[in-house]
Amino acid sequence: MQFRWWNSFNLLGIILVVLGLVGALSRGHFVFDPGRAVSGYEWLIYLVAGVLMLINGSLPPAIVHTSQENDKR
Protein backbone atom coordinates (compact mmCIF):
# COMPACT_ATOMS: atom_id res chain seq x y z
CA MET A 1 0.00 0.00 0.00
CA GLN A 2 1.40 3.35 -1.02
CA PHE A 3 0.36 6.34 1.06
CA ARG A 4 0.25 9.82 -0.39
CA TRP A 5 0.93 12.33 2.40
CA TRP A 6 0.46 15.53 0.43
CA ASN A 7 -3.32 15.85 0.11
CA SER A 8 -5.86 18.64 0.53
CA PHE A 9 -6.55 17.79 4.19
CA ASN A 10 -2.90 18.27 5.09
CA LEU A 11 -2.57 21.42 2.98
CA LEU A 12 -5.61 23.05 4.60
CA GLY A 13 -4.52 21.79 8.00
CA ILE A 14 -1.13 23.48 7.65
CA ILE A 15 -2.79 26.75 6.58
CA LEU A 16 -5.20 26.65 9.53
CA VAL A 17 -2.42 25.83 12.03
CA VAL A 18 -0.33 28.74 10.71
CA LEU A 19 -3.32 31.10 10.98
CA GLY A 20 -3.99 29.85 14.51
CA LEU A 21 -0.38 30.30 15.60
CA VAL A 22 -0.14 33.79 14.09
CA GLY A 23 -3.41 34.66 15.83
CA ALA A 24 -2.06 33.37 19.14
CA LEU A 25 1.18 35.31 18.77
CA SER A 26 -0.73 38.50 17.96
CA ARG A 27 -3.00 37.91 21.00
CA GLY A 28 -6.13 37.56 18.90
CA HIS A 29 -5.73 40.70 16.78
CA PHE A 30 -4.87 38.86 13.55
CA VAL A 31 -7.76 36.39 13.43
CA PHE A 32 -11.24 37.73 13.99
CA ASP A 33 -14.76 37.20 12.72
CA PRO A 34 -16.24 40.41 11.23
CA GLY A 35 -19.66 41.31 12.56
CA ARG A 36 -19.27 39.41 15.83
CA ALA A 37 -18.10 40.42 19.24
CA VAL A 38 -14.37 39.79 19.64
CA SER A 39 -13.47 37.37 22.41
CA GLY A 40 -9.75 37.11 21.62
CA TYR A 41 -9.84 33.31 21.35
CA GLU A 42 -10.91 32.94 17.73
CA TRP A 43 -7.38 31.77 16.89
CA LEU A 44 -8.00 28.68 19.02
CA ILE A 45 -10.75 27.53 16.65
CA TYR A 46 -8.36 27.76 13.71
CA LEU A 47 -5.65 25.92 15.62
CA VAL A 48 -7.93 23.06 16.70
CA ALA A 49 -9.47 22.78 13.23
CA GLY A 50 -6.00 22.66 11.67
CA VAL A 51 -4.82 19.91 14.01
CA LEU A 52 -7.98 17.89 13.30
CA MET A 53 -7.43 18.32 9.55
CA LEU A 54 -3.82 17.11 9.89
CA ILE A 55 -4.95 14.07 11.89
CA ASN A 56 -7.64 13.30 9.32
CA GLY A 57 -5.19 13.71 6.45
CA SER A 58 -2.61 11.45 8.04
CA LEU A 59 -4.99 8.51 8.43
CA PRO A 60 -4.74 6.07 5.55
CA PRO A 61 -7.85 5.39 3.53
CA ALA A 62 -9.70 2.14 4.17
CA ILE A 63 -8.74 -0.77 1.98
CA VAL A 64 -11.63 -2.62 0.43
CA HIS A 65 -10.83 -6.25 -0.32
CA THR A 66 -12.82 -7.89 -3.06
CA SER A 67 -13.06 -11.64 -3.16
CA GLN A 68 -12.21 -13.53 -6.31
CA GLU A 69 -15.72 -15.00 -6.38
CA ASN A 70 -17.29 -11.56 -6.79
CA ASP A 71 -14.84 -10.71 -9.58
CA LYS A 72 -15.89 -13.77 -11.61
CA ARG A 73 -19.57 -12.76 -11.68
C-alpha atoms as a PDB file:
ATOM      1  CA  MET A   1       0.000   0.000   0.000  1.00  0.00           C
ATOM      2  CA  GLN A   2       1.399   3.347  -1.020  1.00  0.00           C
ATOM      3  CA  PHE A   3       0.363   6.336   1.061  1.00  0.00           C
ATOM      4  CA  ARG A   4       0.246   9.822  -0.388  1.00  0.00           C
ATOM      5  CA  TRP A   5       0.927  12.334   2.396  1.00  0.00           C
ATOM      6  CA  TRP A   6       0.456  15.532   0.428  1.00  0.00           C
ATOM      7  CA  ASN A   7      -3.320  15.848   0.109  1.00  0.00           C
ATOM      8  CA  SER A   8      -5.858  18.644   0.530  1.00  0.00           C
ATOM      9  CA  PHE A   9      -6.551  17.785   4.188  1.00  0.00           C
ATOM     10  CA  ASN A  10      -2.901  18.275   5.085  1.00  0.00           C
ATOM     11  CA  LEU A  11      -2.567  21.421   2.979  1.00  0.00           C
ATOM     12  CA  LEU A  12      -5.613  23.049   4.601  1.00  0.00           C
ATOM     13  CA  GLY A  13      -4.515  21.789   8.001  1.00  0.00           C
ATOM     14  CA  ILE A  14      -1.126  23.482   7.651  1.00  0.00           C
ATOM     15  CA  ILE A  15      -2.792  26.751   6.582  1.00  0.00           C
ATOM     16  CA  LEU A  16      -5.196  26.648   9.535  1.00  0.00           C
ATOM     17  CA  VAL A  17      -2.421  25.835  12.027  1.00  0.00           C
ATOM     18  CA  VAL A  18      -0.334  28.741  10.707  1.00  0.00           C
ATOM     19  CA  LEU A  19      -3.315  31.099  10.981  1.00  0.00           C
ATOM     20  CA  GLY A  20      -3.989  29.854  14.506  1.00  0.00           C
ATOM     21  CA  LEU A  21      -0.379  30.299  15.598  1.00  0.00           C
ATOM     22  CA  VAL A  22      -0.141  33.794  14.095  1.00  0.00           C
ATOM     23  CA  GLY A  23      -3.412  34.656  15.829  1.00  0.00           C
ATOM     24  CA  ALA A  24      -2.060  33.365  19.137  1.00  0.00           C
ATOM     25  CA  LEU A  25       1.178  35.308  18.772  1.00  0.00           C
ATOM     26  CA  SER A  26      -0.729  38.501  17.965  1.00  0.00           C
ATOM     27  CA  ARG A  27      -2.998  37.905  20.998  1.00  0.00           C
ATOM     28  CA  GLY A  28      -6.132  37.559  18.899  1.00  0.00           C
ATOM     29  CA  HIS A  29      -5.732  40.701  16.780  1.00  0.00           C
ATOM     30  CA  PHE A  30      -4.872  38.863  13.551  1.00  0.00           C
ATOM     31  CA  VAL A  31      -7.756  36.393  13.426  1.00  0.00           C
ATOM     32  CA  PHE A  32     -11.242  37.732  13.991  1.00  0.00           C
ATOM     33  CA  ASP A  33     -14.761  37.201  12.720  1.00  0.00           C
ATOM     34  CA  PRO A  34     -16.236  40.405  11.234  1.00  0.00           C
ATOM     35  CA  GLY A  35     -19.658  41.307  12.560  1.00  0.00           C
ATOM     36  CA  ARG A  36     -19.268  39.410  15.834  1.00  0.00           C
ATOM     37  CA  ALA A  37     -18.101  40.422  19.236  1.00  0.00           C
ATOM     38  CA  VAL A  38     -14.369  39.789  19.643  1.00  0.00           C
ATOM     39  CA  SER A  39     -13.467  37.373  22.413  1.00  0.00           C
ATOM     40  CA  GLY A  40      -9.753  37.113  21.621  1.00  0.00           C
ATOM     41  CA  TYR A  41      -9.841  33.308  21.351  1.00  0.00           C
ATOM     42  CA  GLU A  42     -10.913  32.936  17.735  1.00  0.00           C
ATOM     43  CA  TRP A  43      -7.376  31.769  16.893  1.00  0.00           C
ATOM     44  CA  LEU A  44      -7.998  28.678  19.016  1.00  0.00           C
ATOM     45  CA  ILE A  45     -10.754  27.526  16.652  1.00  0.00           C
ATOM     46  CA  TYR A  46      -8.355  27.764  13.708  1.00  0.00           C
ATOM     47  CA  LEU A  47      -5.648  25.918  15.623  1.00  0.00           C
ATOM     48  CA  VAL A  48      -7.928  23.058  16.702  1.00  0.00           C
ATOM     49  CA  ALA A  49      -9.465  22.777  13.225  1.00  0.00           C
ATOM     50  CA  GLY A  50      -5.998  22.659  11.669  1.00  0.00           C
ATOM     51  CA  VAL A  51      -4.823  19.911  14.006  1.00  0.00           C
ATOM     52  CA  LEU A  52      -7.976  17.887  13.303  1.00  0.00           C
ATOM     53  CA  MET A  53      -7.432  18.319   9.552  1.00  0.00           C
ATOM     54  CA  LEU A  54      -3.824  17.106   9.890  1.00  0.00           C
ATOM     55  CA  ILE A  55      -4.948  14.074  11.890  1.00  0.00           C
ATOM     56  CA  ASN A  56      -7.637  13.297   9.318  1.00  0.00           C
ATOM     57  CA  GLY A  57      -5.193  13.705   6.446  1.00  0.00           C
ATOM     58  CA  SER A  58      -2.609  11.448   8.041  1.00  0.00           C
ATOM     59  CA  LEU A  59      -4.990   8.506   8.429  1.00  0.00           C
ATOM     60  CA  PRO A  60      -4.735   6.071   5.550  1.00  0.00           C
ATOM     61  CA  PRO A  61      -7.850   5.386   3.528  1.00  0.00           C
ATOM     62  CA  ALA A  62      -9.705   2.142   4.167  1.00  0.00           C
ATOM     63  CA  ILE A  63      -8.736  -0.771   1.979  1.00  0.00           C
ATOM     64  CA  VAL A  64     -11.634  -2.619   0.430  1.00  0.00           C
ATOM     65  CA  HIS A  65     -10.835  -6.246  -0.317  1.00  0.00           C
ATOM     66  CA  THR A  66     -12.824  -7.887  -3.061  1.00  0.00           C
ATOM     67  CA  SER A  67     -13.057 -11.640  -3.164  1.00  0.00           C
ATOM     68  CA  GLN A  68     -12.215 -13.534  -6.309  1.00  0.00           C
ATOM     69  CA  GLU A  69     -15.723 -14.999  -6.383  1.00  0.00           C
ATOM     70  CA  ASN A  70     -17.289 -11.555  -6.789  1.00  0.00           C
ATOM     71  CA  ASP A  71     -14.837 -10.706  -9.576  1.00  0.00           C
ATOM     72  CA  LYS A  72     -15.887 -13.770 -11.607  1.00  0.00           C
ATOM     73  CA  ARG A  73     -19.572 -12.764 -11.676  1.00  0.00           C
END
